[in-house]
Amino acid sequence: MQAGPNPLDQLADVTLGDDITWWPLAWGWWAIIALVLVVTAISIGLFLAHRKRTKIKRDALQELQQLDLSAGDADGNMHAILKNAVLKYYPLHNVARLSGEPWRAFLTEQMMAKNKNVTQTADQVTADIFRLEQSLYTADVNDTADSAVLEQTRANITTWIKASMPPKDDGKENQNV
């Protein structure tokens, strides 16, 4: 018995299609690309806004570090740097007029507003800043303060600026002064 022709011989050869390519991308890849671009744009925008908002703080800290404590007016300059930085973050009509005990209360309140657990530190820091302000108006204003005292005062002002600036919420806290 002879076998007839093989039916598989009648089939056409297998042809391979074109290679699979990346392009055009499927809609899912376009969605992922769009999401990454949106997240990147938002992140860059938030970063730039943060840098702009903290510029005054960075500038004040840099001025404090560059301040020559051996100069006769170092205590006045430190107080001016602090007051100017505060005035740039808070409305002029609220903060510009503060001095003495209201100034100290304002400094303590702002430091505690951002950091609820720093009551003792806030009292120590603001007491030193308050002493600095009071020393500016005493009769022996021409006497230069001890360099260790000036260094400690600079450290306390630096601590206050780092802990309190920028204000936690511009719209709400600025009006409560």
N, C-alpha and C. Protein backbone atom coordinates (compact mmCIF):
# COMPACT_ATOMS: atom_id res chain seq x y z
N MET A 1 0.81 -1.12 0.00
CA MET A 1 0.00 0.00 0.00
C MET A 1 0.89 1.24 0.00
N GLN A 2 0.61 1.92 -0.96
CA GLN A 2 1.43 3.10 -1.16
C GLN A 2 0.67 4.31 -0.63
N ALA A 3 1.42 5.05 0.04
CA ALA A 3 0.79 6.22 0.64
C ALA A 3 0.66 7.30 -0.42
N GLY A 4 -0.41 8.02 -0.32
CA GLY A 4 -0.66 9.10 -1.26
C GLY A 4 0.21 10.31 -0.94
N PRO A 5 0.05 11.30 -1.67
CA PRO A 5 0.88 12.48 -1.40
C PRO A 5 0.63 13.01 0.01
N ASN A 6 1.68 13.51 0.58
CA ASN A 6 1.62 14.04 1.94
C ASN A 6 0.81 15.35 1.91
N PRO A 7 -0.25 15.45 2.68
CA PRO A 7 -1.05 16.67 2.67
C PRO A 7 -0.29 17.90 3.18
N LEU A 8 0.75 17.69 3.95
CA LEU A 8 1.52 18.83 4.46
C LEU A 8 2.32 19.49 3.34
N ASP A 9 2.62 18.73 2.29
CA ASP A 9 3.38 19.31 1.18
C ASP A 9 2.57 20.36 0.45
N GLN A 10 1.27 20.35 0.60
CA GLN A 10 0.41 21.29 -0.10
C GLN A 10 0.33 22.65 0.62
N LEU A 11 0.82 22.71 1.85
CA LEU A 11 0.76 23.98 2.61
C LEU A 11 1.80 24.95 2.08
N ALA A 12 1.46 26.21 2.12
CA ALA A 12 2.42 27.25 1.72
C ALA A 12 3.44 27.46 2.84
N ASP A 13 4.61 27.96 2.47
CA ASP A 13 5.64 28.22 3.47
C ASP A 13 5.15 29.28 4.46
N VAL A 14 5.65 29.17 5.68
CA VAL A 14 5.31 30.14 6.72
C VAL A 14 6.09 31.42 6.43
N THR A 15 5.37 32.52 6.44
CA THR A 15 6.04 33.82 6.25
C THR A 15 6.03 34.57 7.57
N LEU A 16 7.17 35.13 7.91
CA LEU A 16 7.27 35.92 9.14
C LEU A 16 6.86 37.35 8.82
N GLY A 17 6.13 37.94 9.75
CA GLY A 17 5.72 39.33 9.57
C GLY A 17 6.89 40.27 9.87
N ASP A 18 6.62 41.55 9.81
CA ASP A 18 7.64 42.56 10.14
C ASP A 18 8.00 42.45 11.62
N ASP A 19 9.21 42.87 11.95
CA ASP A 19 9.64 42.88 13.35
C ASP A 19 8.75 43.83 14.14
N ILE A 20 8.53 43.47 15.37
CA ILE A 20 7.72 44.32 16.25
C ILE A 20 8.57 45.51 16.67
N THR A 21 8.03 46.71 16.58
CA THR A 21 8.78 47.93 16.93
C THR A 21 8.12 48.61 18.13
N TRP A 22 8.83 49.57 18.66
CA TRP A 22 8.31 50.35 19.77
C TRP A 22 7.30 51.39 19.30
N TRP A 23 7.44 51.83 18.09
CA TRP A 23 6.57 52.91 17.60
C TRP A 23 5.54 52.37 16.65
N PRO A 24 4.40 52.86 16.68
CA PRO A 24 3.84 53.84 17.61
C PRO A 24 3.56 53.19 18.95
N LEU A 25 3.72 53.99 20.01
CA LEU A 25 3.48 53.48 21.35
C LEU A 25 2.00 53.26 21.59
N ALA A 26 1.73 52.35 22.44
CA ALA A 26 0.34 52.11 22.84
C ALA A 26 -0.11 53.24 23.75
N TRP A 27 -1.41 53.42 23.88
CA TRP A 27 -1.94 54.54 24.65
C TRP A 27 -1.50 54.49 26.11
N GLY A 28 -1.27 53.35 26.67
CA GLY A 28 -0.82 53.22 28.07
C GLY A 28 0.54 53.86 28.29
N TRP A 29 1.44 53.68 27.31
CA TRP A 29 2.76 54.31 27.43
C TRP A 29 2.64 55.83 27.35
N TRP A 30 1.76 56.33 26.48
CA TRP A 30 1.55 57.78 26.38
C TRP A 30 1.00 58.32 27.71
N ALA A 31 0.14 57.58 28.36
CA ALA A 31 -0.42 58.01 29.64
C ALA A 31 0.68 58.07 30.71
N ILE A 32 1.55 57.08 30.72
CA ILE A 32 2.66 57.06 31.68
C ILE A 32 3.61 58.23 31.42
N ILE A 33 3.93 58.49 30.16
CA ILE A 33 4.81 59.62 29.82
C ILE A 33 4.18 60.93 30.26
N ALA A 34 2.89 61.10 29.99
CA ALA A 34 2.20 62.33 30.38
C ALA A 34 2.20 62.49 31.90
N LEU A 35 1.96 61.42 32.63
CA LEU A 35 1.95 61.46 34.09
C LEU A 35 3.33 61.86 34.63
N VAL A 36 4.37 61.28 34.07
CA VAL A 36 5.73 61.62 34.51
C VAL A 36 6.03 63.09 34.24
N LEU A 37 5.63 63.60 33.09
CA LEU A 37 5.86 65.01 32.76
C LEU A 37 5.10 65.94 33.70
N VAL A 38 3.86 65.60 34.01
CA VAL A 38 3.05 66.42 34.92
C VAL A 38 3.66 66.43 36.32
N VAL A 39 4.03 65.26 36.82
CA VAL A 39 4.63 65.17 38.15
C VAL A 39 5.95 65.94 38.19
N THR A 40 6.75 65.84 37.16
CA THR A 40 8.02 66.57 37.09
C THR A 40 7.78 68.08 37.09
N ALA A 41 6.82 68.54 36.28
CA ALA A 41 6.52 69.98 36.23
C ALA A 41 6.02 70.49 37.57
N ILE A 42 5.15 69.74 38.22
CA ILE A 42 4.64 70.15 39.53
C ILE A 42 5.77 70.17 40.56
N SER A 43 6.63 69.18 40.53
CA SER A 43 7.76 69.12 41.47
C SER A 43 8.70 70.30 41.28
N ILE A 44 9.01 70.63 40.05
CA ILE A 44 9.88 71.77 39.77
C ILE A 44 9.21 73.07 40.23
N GLY A 45 7.93 73.21 39.96
CA GLY A 45 7.20 74.40 40.40
C GLY A 45 7.19 74.54 41.91
N LEU A 46 6.95 73.46 42.63
CA LEU A 46 6.97 73.50 44.09
C LEU A 46 8.35 73.82 44.64
N PHE A 47 9.37 73.24 44.01
CA PHE A 47 10.74 73.51 44.44
C PHE A 47 11.09 74.99 44.25
N LEU A 48 10.76 75.54 43.10
CA LEU A 48 11.05 76.95 42.84
C LEU A 48 10.27 77.87 43.77
N ALA A 49 9.02 77.52 44.05
CA ALA A 49 8.22 78.32 44.99
C ALA A 49 8.83 78.27 46.39
N HIS A 50 9.30 77.11 46.79
CA HIS A 50 9.95 76.97 48.10
C HIS A 50 11.23 77.80 48.16
N ARG A 51 12.02 77.73 47.10
CA ARG A 51 13.27 78.52 47.07
C ARG A 51 12.97 80.02 47.16
N LYS A 52 11.93 80.46 46.46
CA LYS A 52 11.57 81.88 46.50
C LYS A 52 11.09 82.27 47.89
N ARG A 53 10.29 81.40 48.50
CA ARG A 53 9.72 81.69 49.82
C ARG A 53 10.79 81.71 50.90
N THR A 54 11.84 80.92 50.77
CA THR A 54 12.87 80.86 51.80
C THR A 54 14.10 81.70 51.48
N LYS A 55 14.06 82.48 50.42
CA LYS A 55 15.21 83.31 50.04
C LYS A 55 15.56 84.32 51.13
N ILE A 56 14.56 84.96 51.71
CA ILE A 56 14.80 85.95 52.76
C ILE A 56 15.49 85.28 53.95
N LYS A 57 15.02 84.09 54.30
CA LYS A 57 15.62 83.34 55.40
C LYS A 57 17.08 83.02 55.10
N ARG A 58 17.35 82.52 53.92
CA ARG A 58 18.74 82.18 53.55
C ARG A 58 19.62 83.42 53.55
N ASP A 59 19.11 84.52 53.03
CA ASP A 59 19.88 85.77 52.99
C ASP A 59 20.20 86.27 54.40
N ALA A 60 19.21 86.21 55.30
CA ALA A 60 19.43 86.66 56.68
C ALA A 60 20.47 85.79 57.38
N LEU A 61 20.38 84.49 57.18
CA LEU A 61 21.36 83.59 57.80
C LEU A 61 22.77 83.85 57.26
N GLN A 62 22.85 84.11 55.96
CA GLN A 62 24.16 84.40 55.37
C GLN A 62 24.72 85.72 55.91
N GLU A 63 23.88 86.74 56.04
CA GLU A 63 24.33 88.02 56.60
C GLU A 63 24.83 87.83 58.03
N LEU A 64 24.11 87.05 58.82
CA LEU A 64 24.53 86.81 60.20
C LEU A 64 25.89 86.13 60.26
N GLN A 65 26.11 85.14 59.39
CA GLN A 65 27.38 84.42 59.41
C GLN A 65 28.53 85.31 58.95
N GLN A 66 28.26 86.24 58.07
CA GLN A 66 29.32 87.11 57.55
C GLN A 66 29.57 88.33 58.44
N LEU A 67 28.73 88.52 59.45
CA LEU A 67 28.85 89.68 60.32
C LEU A 67 30.12 89.61 61.16
N ASP A 68 30.84 90.71 61.18
CA ASP A 68 32.07 90.80 61.97
C ASP A 68 31.69 91.16 63.40
N LEU A 69 31.87 90.23 64.32
CA LEU A 69 31.47 90.45 65.71
C LEU A 69 32.43 91.37 66.45
N SER A 70 33.60 91.61 65.88
CA SER A 70 34.55 92.50 66.56
C SER A 70 34.24 93.97 66.29
N ALA A 71 33.36 94.23 65.34
CA ALA A 71 32.98 95.62 65.06
C ALA A 71 32.15 96.15 66.22
N GLY A 72 32.25 97.43 66.46
CA GLY A 72 31.56 98.05 67.59
C GLY A 72 30.05 97.99 67.51
N ASP A 73 29.51 97.91 66.33
CA ASP A 73 28.06 97.92 66.17
C ASP A 73 27.51 96.54 65.82
N ALA A 74 28.20 95.48 66.19
CA ALA A 74 27.77 94.12 65.84
C ALA A 74 26.41 93.80 66.44
N ASP A 75 26.18 94.23 67.70
CA ASP A 75 24.89 93.92 68.32
C ASP A 75 23.75 94.63 67.61
N GLY A 76 23.95 95.87 67.21
CA GLY A 76 22.93 96.60 66.46
C GLY A 76 22.69 95.99 65.09
N ASN A 77 23.77 95.55 64.45
CA ASN A 77 23.63 94.92 63.13
C ASN A 77 22.88 93.59 63.21
N MET A 78 23.15 92.81 64.27
CA MET A 78 22.43 91.55 64.42
C MET A 78 20.94 91.80 64.61
N HIS A 79 20.62 92.79 65.44
CA HIS A 79 19.21 93.10 65.67
C HIS A 79 18.56 93.61 64.38
N ALA A 80 19.29 94.41 63.61
CA ALA A 80 18.75 94.93 62.35
C ALA A 80 18.50 93.81 61.34
N ILE A 81 19.41 92.84 61.28
CA ILE A 81 19.24 91.71 60.36
C ILE A 81 17.98 90.94 60.74
N LEU A 82 17.80 90.67 62.02
CA LEU A 82 16.61 89.95 62.48
C LEU A 82 15.34 90.75 62.18
N LYS A 83 15.34 92.02 62.54
CA LYS A 83 14.14 92.85 62.36
C LYS A 83 13.79 92.97 60.87
N ASN A 84 14.79 93.16 60.02
CA ASN A 84 14.54 93.27 58.58
C ASN A 84 13.97 91.97 58.00
N ALA A 85 14.50 90.84 58.45
CA ALA A 85 13.98 89.56 57.96
C ALA A 85 12.53 89.37 58.39
N VAL A 86 12.23 89.72 59.63
CA VAL A 86 10.86 89.60 60.13
C VAL A 86 9.93 90.53 59.36
N LEU A 87 10.38 91.74 59.11
CA LEU A 87 9.54 92.72 58.40
C LEU A 87 9.22 92.27 56.98
N LYS A 88 10.09 91.50 56.37
CA LYS A 88 9.84 91.03 55.00
C LYS A 88 8.80 89.91 54.96
N TYR A 89 8.64 89.19 56.06
CA TYR A 89 7.66 88.10 56.09
C TYR A 89 6.32 88.52 56.69
N TYR A 90 6.31 89.55 57.49
CA TYR A 90 5.08 89.97 58.16
C TYR A 90 4.73 91.39 57.73
N PRO A 91 3.47 91.76 57.79
CA PRO A 91 3.06 93.10 57.37
C PRO A 91 3.77 94.18 58.20
N LEU A 92 4.14 95.25 57.54
CA LEU A 92 4.85 96.34 58.21
C LEU A 92 4.04 96.94 59.34
N HIS A 93 2.76 97.12 59.14
CA HIS A 93 1.96 97.78 60.17
C HIS A 93 1.82 96.95 61.43
N ASN A 94 2.10 95.68 61.38
CA ASN A 94 1.99 94.85 62.58
C ASN A 94 3.30 94.70 63.33
N VAL A 95 4.38 94.51 62.63
CA VAL A 95 5.64 94.15 63.26
C VAL A 95 6.57 95.36 63.44
N ALA A 96 6.50 96.31 62.56
CA ALA A 96 7.44 97.43 62.60
C ALA A 96 7.37 98.20 63.91
N ARG A 97 6.21 98.24 64.50
CA ARG A 97 6.04 99.04 65.72
C ARG A 97 6.39 98.26 66.99
N LEU A 98 6.68 96.99 66.89
CA LEU A 98 6.93 96.18 68.08
C LEU A 98 8.33 96.43 68.64
N SER A 99 8.39 96.55 69.96
CA SER A 99 9.66 96.61 70.67
C SER A 99 9.39 96.19 72.11
N GLY A 100 10.45 95.93 72.82
CA GLY A 100 10.30 95.54 74.21
C GLY A 100 9.59 94.22 74.38
N GLU A 101 8.73 94.16 75.38
CA GLU A 101 8.02 92.92 75.71
C GLU A 101 7.09 92.44 74.59
N PRO A 102 6.38 93.32 73.87
CA PRO A 102 5.57 92.83 72.75
C PRO A 102 6.43 92.17 71.65
N TRP A 103 7.62 92.70 71.41
CA TRP A 103 8.54 92.12 70.44
C TRP A 103 8.96 90.72 70.88
N ARG A 104 9.30 90.59 72.17
CA ARG A 104 9.70 89.28 72.70
C ARG A 104 8.52 88.30 72.60
N ALA A 105 7.33 88.76 72.94
CA ALA A 105 6.15 87.88 72.87
C ALA A 105 5.90 87.45 71.43
N PHE A 106 6.07 88.37 70.49
CA PHE A 106 5.90 88.03 69.08
C PHE A 106 6.91 86.97 68.65
N LEU A 107 8.18 87.15 69.03
CA LEU A 107 9.22 86.19 68.66
C LEU A 107 8.93 84.81 69.25
N THR A 108 8.54 84.79 70.51
CA THR A 108 8.22 83.51 71.16
C THR A 108 7.02 82.85 70.50
N GLU A 109 5.99 83.63 70.24
CA GLU A 109 4.77 83.09 69.62
C GLU A 109 5.06 82.51 68.24
N GLN A 110 5.87 83.20 67.45
CA GLN A 110 6.16 82.71 66.10
C GLN A 110 7.03 81.46 66.14
N MET A 111 7.95 81.41 67.08
CA MET A 111 8.81 80.23 67.18
C MET A 111 7.98 79.02 67.61
N MET A 112 7.06 79.23 68.53
CA MET A 112 6.23 78.13 69.02
C MET A 112 5.14 77.76 68.02
N ALA A 113 4.74 78.69 67.15
CA ALA A 113 3.70 78.40 66.17
C ALA A 113 4.15 77.31 65.19
N LYS A 114 5.41 77.32 64.83
CA LYS A 114 5.92 76.31 63.90
C LYS A 114 6.43 75.07 64.61
N ASN A 115 6.82 75.21 65.86
CA ASN A 115 7.42 74.10 66.61
C ASN A 115 6.77 74.01 67.97
N LYS A 116 5.75 73.22 68.08
CA LYS A 116 4.96 73.16 69.32
C LYS A 116 5.78 72.67 70.52
N ASN A 117 6.83 71.92 70.33
CA ASN A 117 7.57 71.31 71.43
C ASN A 117 8.82 72.07 71.84
N VAL A 118 8.90 73.35 71.55
CA VAL A 118 10.12 74.11 71.83
C VAL A 118 9.89 75.23 72.84
N THR A 119 8.97 75.06 73.76
CA THR A 119 8.63 76.14 74.69
C THR A 119 9.85 76.63 75.45
N GLN A 120 10.61 75.73 76.03
CA GLN A 120 11.77 76.14 76.81
C GLN A 120 12.83 76.78 75.92
N THR A 121 13.10 76.18 74.78
CA THR A 121 14.07 76.74 73.85
C THR A 121 13.62 78.10 73.36
N ALA A 122 12.35 78.23 73.05
CA ALA A 122 11.83 79.52 72.56
C ALA A 122 12.01 80.59 73.61
N ASP A 123 11.74 80.27 74.88
CA ASP A 123 11.90 81.25 75.95
C ASP A 123 13.36 81.68 76.09
N GLN A 124 14.28 80.71 76.02
CA GLN A 124 15.70 81.04 76.15
C GLN A 124 16.19 81.88 74.99
N VAL A 125 15.82 81.47 73.78
CA VAL A 125 16.28 82.18 72.58
C VAL A 125 15.73 83.60 72.55
N THR A 126 14.44 83.74 72.79
CA THR A 126 13.85 85.07 72.71
C THR A 126 14.28 85.95 73.88
N ALA A 127 14.58 85.36 75.03
CA ALA A 127 15.09 86.16 76.15
C ALA A 127 16.44 86.77 75.78
N ASP A 128 17.28 85.99 75.11
CA ASP A 128 18.58 86.51 74.69
C ASP A 128 18.42 87.61 73.63
N ILE A 129 17.51 87.41 72.70
CA ILE A 129 17.27 88.43 71.68
C ILE A 129 16.69 89.69 72.33
N PHE A 130 15.83 89.50 73.32
CA PHE A 130 15.24 90.62 74.06
C PHE A 130 16.34 91.40 74.79
N ARG A 131 17.27 90.69 75.43
CA ARG A 131 18.40 91.37 76.10
C ARG A 131 19.22 92.16 75.09
N LEU A 132 19.41 91.59 73.89
CA LEU A 132 20.15 92.30 72.85
C LEU A 132 19.44 93.60 72.51
N GLU A 133 18.13 93.54 72.30
CA GLU A 133 17.39 94.75 71.96
C GLU A 133 17.47 95.77 73.09
N GLN A 134 17.34 95.32 74.33
CA GLN A 134 17.39 96.24 75.46
C GLN A 134 18.77 96.88 75.59
N SER A 135 19.81 96.12 75.26
CA SER A 135 21.17 96.67 75.37
C SER A 135 21.41 97.78 74.34
N LEU A 136 20.64 97.77 73.27
CA LEU A 136 20.81 98.82 72.26
C LEU A 136 20.35 100.17 72.78
N TYR A 137 19.50 100.18 73.80
CA TYR A 137 18.92 101.42 74.29
C TYR A 137 19.41 101.81 75.68
N THR A 138 20.43 101.15 76.18
CA THR A 138 20.96 101.49 77.50
C THR A 138 21.98 102.60 77.36
N ALA A 139 22.33 103.20 78.51
CA ALA A 139 23.25 104.33 78.51
C ALA A 139 24.65 103.92 78.08
N ASP A 140 25.07 102.71 78.40
CA ASP A 140 26.42 102.28 78.03
C ASP A 140 26.42 101.57 76.69
N VAL A 141 25.75 102.18 75.71
CA VAL A 141 25.64 101.61 74.38
C VAL A 141 26.98 101.58 73.65
N ASN A 142 27.90 102.40 74.04
CA ASN A 142 29.20 102.44 73.38
C ASN A 142 30.11 101.30 73.83
N ASP A 143 29.79 100.70 74.97
CA ASP A 143 30.59 99.56 75.42
C ASP A 143 30.35 98.39 74.49
N THR A 144 31.44 97.76 74.10
CA THR A 144 31.28 96.59 73.22
C THR A 144 31.02 95.37 74.08
N ALA A 145 30.13 94.56 73.64
CA ALA A 145 29.77 93.35 74.38
C ALA A 145 30.88 92.31 74.23
N ASP A 146 30.92 91.42 75.17
CA ASP A 146 31.87 90.31 75.16
C ASP A 146 31.66 89.49 73.89
N SER A 147 32.75 89.02 73.27
CA SER A 147 32.64 88.27 72.02
C SER A 147 31.89 86.95 72.22
N ALA A 148 32.03 86.34 73.39
CA ALA A 148 31.29 85.10 73.66
C ALA A 148 29.79 85.37 73.72
N VAL A 149 29.42 86.50 74.34
CA VAL A 149 28.01 86.88 74.43
C VAL A 149 27.47 87.16 73.03
N LEU A 150 28.25 87.87 72.22
CA LEU A 150 27.81 88.17 70.86
C LEU A 150 27.69 86.90 70.03
N GLU A 151 28.60 85.97 70.22
CA GLU A 151 28.53 84.71 69.48
C GLU A 151 27.30 83.92 69.90
N GLN A 152 27.00 83.90 71.20
CA GLN A 152 25.80 83.21 71.69
C GLN A 152 24.54 83.89 71.15
N THR A 153 24.55 85.21 71.11
CA THR A 153 23.39 85.93 70.58
C THR A 153 23.20 85.63 69.10
N ARG A 154 24.30 85.60 68.36
CA ARG A 154 24.20 85.26 66.94
C ARG A 154 23.65 83.84 66.78
N ALA A 155 24.10 82.91 67.61
CA ALA A 155 23.60 81.54 67.55
C ALA A 155 22.10 81.50 67.85
N ASN A 156 21.65 82.29 68.82
CA ASN A 156 20.23 82.31 69.17
C ASN A 156 19.39 82.95 68.07
N ILE A 157 19.88 84.00 67.46
CA ILE A 157 19.15 84.61 66.35
C ILE A 157 19.09 83.63 65.18
N THR A 158 20.19 82.94 64.93
CA THR A 158 20.20 81.92 63.87
C THR A 158 19.19 80.82 64.18
N THR A 159 19.15 80.38 65.42
CA THR A 159 18.17 79.37 65.83
C THR A 159 16.75 79.86 65.60
N TRP A 160 16.48 81.10 65.98
CA TRP A 160 15.12 81.64 65.82
C TRP A 160 14.75 81.70 64.34
N ILE A 161 15.66 82.21 63.51
CA ILE A 161 15.36 82.33 62.08
C ILE A 161 15.11 80.94 61.47
N LYS A 162 15.95 79.98 61.81
CA LYS A 162 15.78 78.63 61.25
C LYS A 162 14.48 77.99 61.73
N ALA A 163 14.11 78.25 62.97
CA ALA A 163 12.93 77.61 63.54
C ALA A 163 11.63 78.33 63.20
N SER A 164 11.68 79.60 62.87
CA SER A 164 10.45 80.39 62.76
C SER A 164 10.15 80.92 61.38
N MET A 165 11.08 80.86 60.47
CA MET A 165 10.85 81.46 59.16
C MET A 165 10.90 80.39 58.08
N PRO A 166 10.14 80.55 57.05
CA PRO A 166 9.06 81.50 56.86
C PRO A 166 7.88 81.12 57.74
N PRO A 167 6.95 82.06 57.95
CA PRO A 167 5.81 81.77 58.81
C PRO A 167 5.05 80.54 58.31
N LYS A 168 4.42 79.85 59.23
CA LYS A 168 3.70 78.63 58.88
C LYS A 168 2.59 78.89 57.88
N ASP A 169 1.82 79.96 58.10
CA ASP A 169 0.71 80.27 57.21
C ASP A 169 0.62 81.78 57.09
N ASP A 170 1.04 82.32 55.93
CA ASP A 170 1.07 83.77 55.74
C ASP A 170 -0.27 84.44 56.02
N GLY A 171 -1.32 83.92 55.45
CA GLY A 171 -2.61 84.59 55.53
C GLY A 171 -3.16 84.66 56.94
N LYS A 172 -2.97 83.62 57.73
CA LYS A 172 -3.57 83.56 59.05
C LYS A 172 -2.70 84.21 60.10
N GLU A 173 -1.42 83.86 60.16
CA GLU A 173 -0.57 84.33 61.25
C GLU A 173 -0.20 85.79 61.13
N ASN A 174 -0.12 86.32 59.93
CA ASN A 174 0.29 87.70 59.78
C ASN A 174 -0.71 88.67 60.37
N GLN A 175 -1.96 88.29 60.45
CA GLN A 175 -2.98 89.20 60.92
C GLN A 175 -3.19 89.12 62.42
N ASN A 176 -2.58 88.18 63.08
CA ASN A 176 -2.79 88.00 64.51
C ASN A 176 -1.81 88.79 65.36
N VAL A 177 -0.93 89.54 64.80
CA VAL A 177 0.10 90.23 65.56
C VAL A 177 -0.48 91.46 66.19
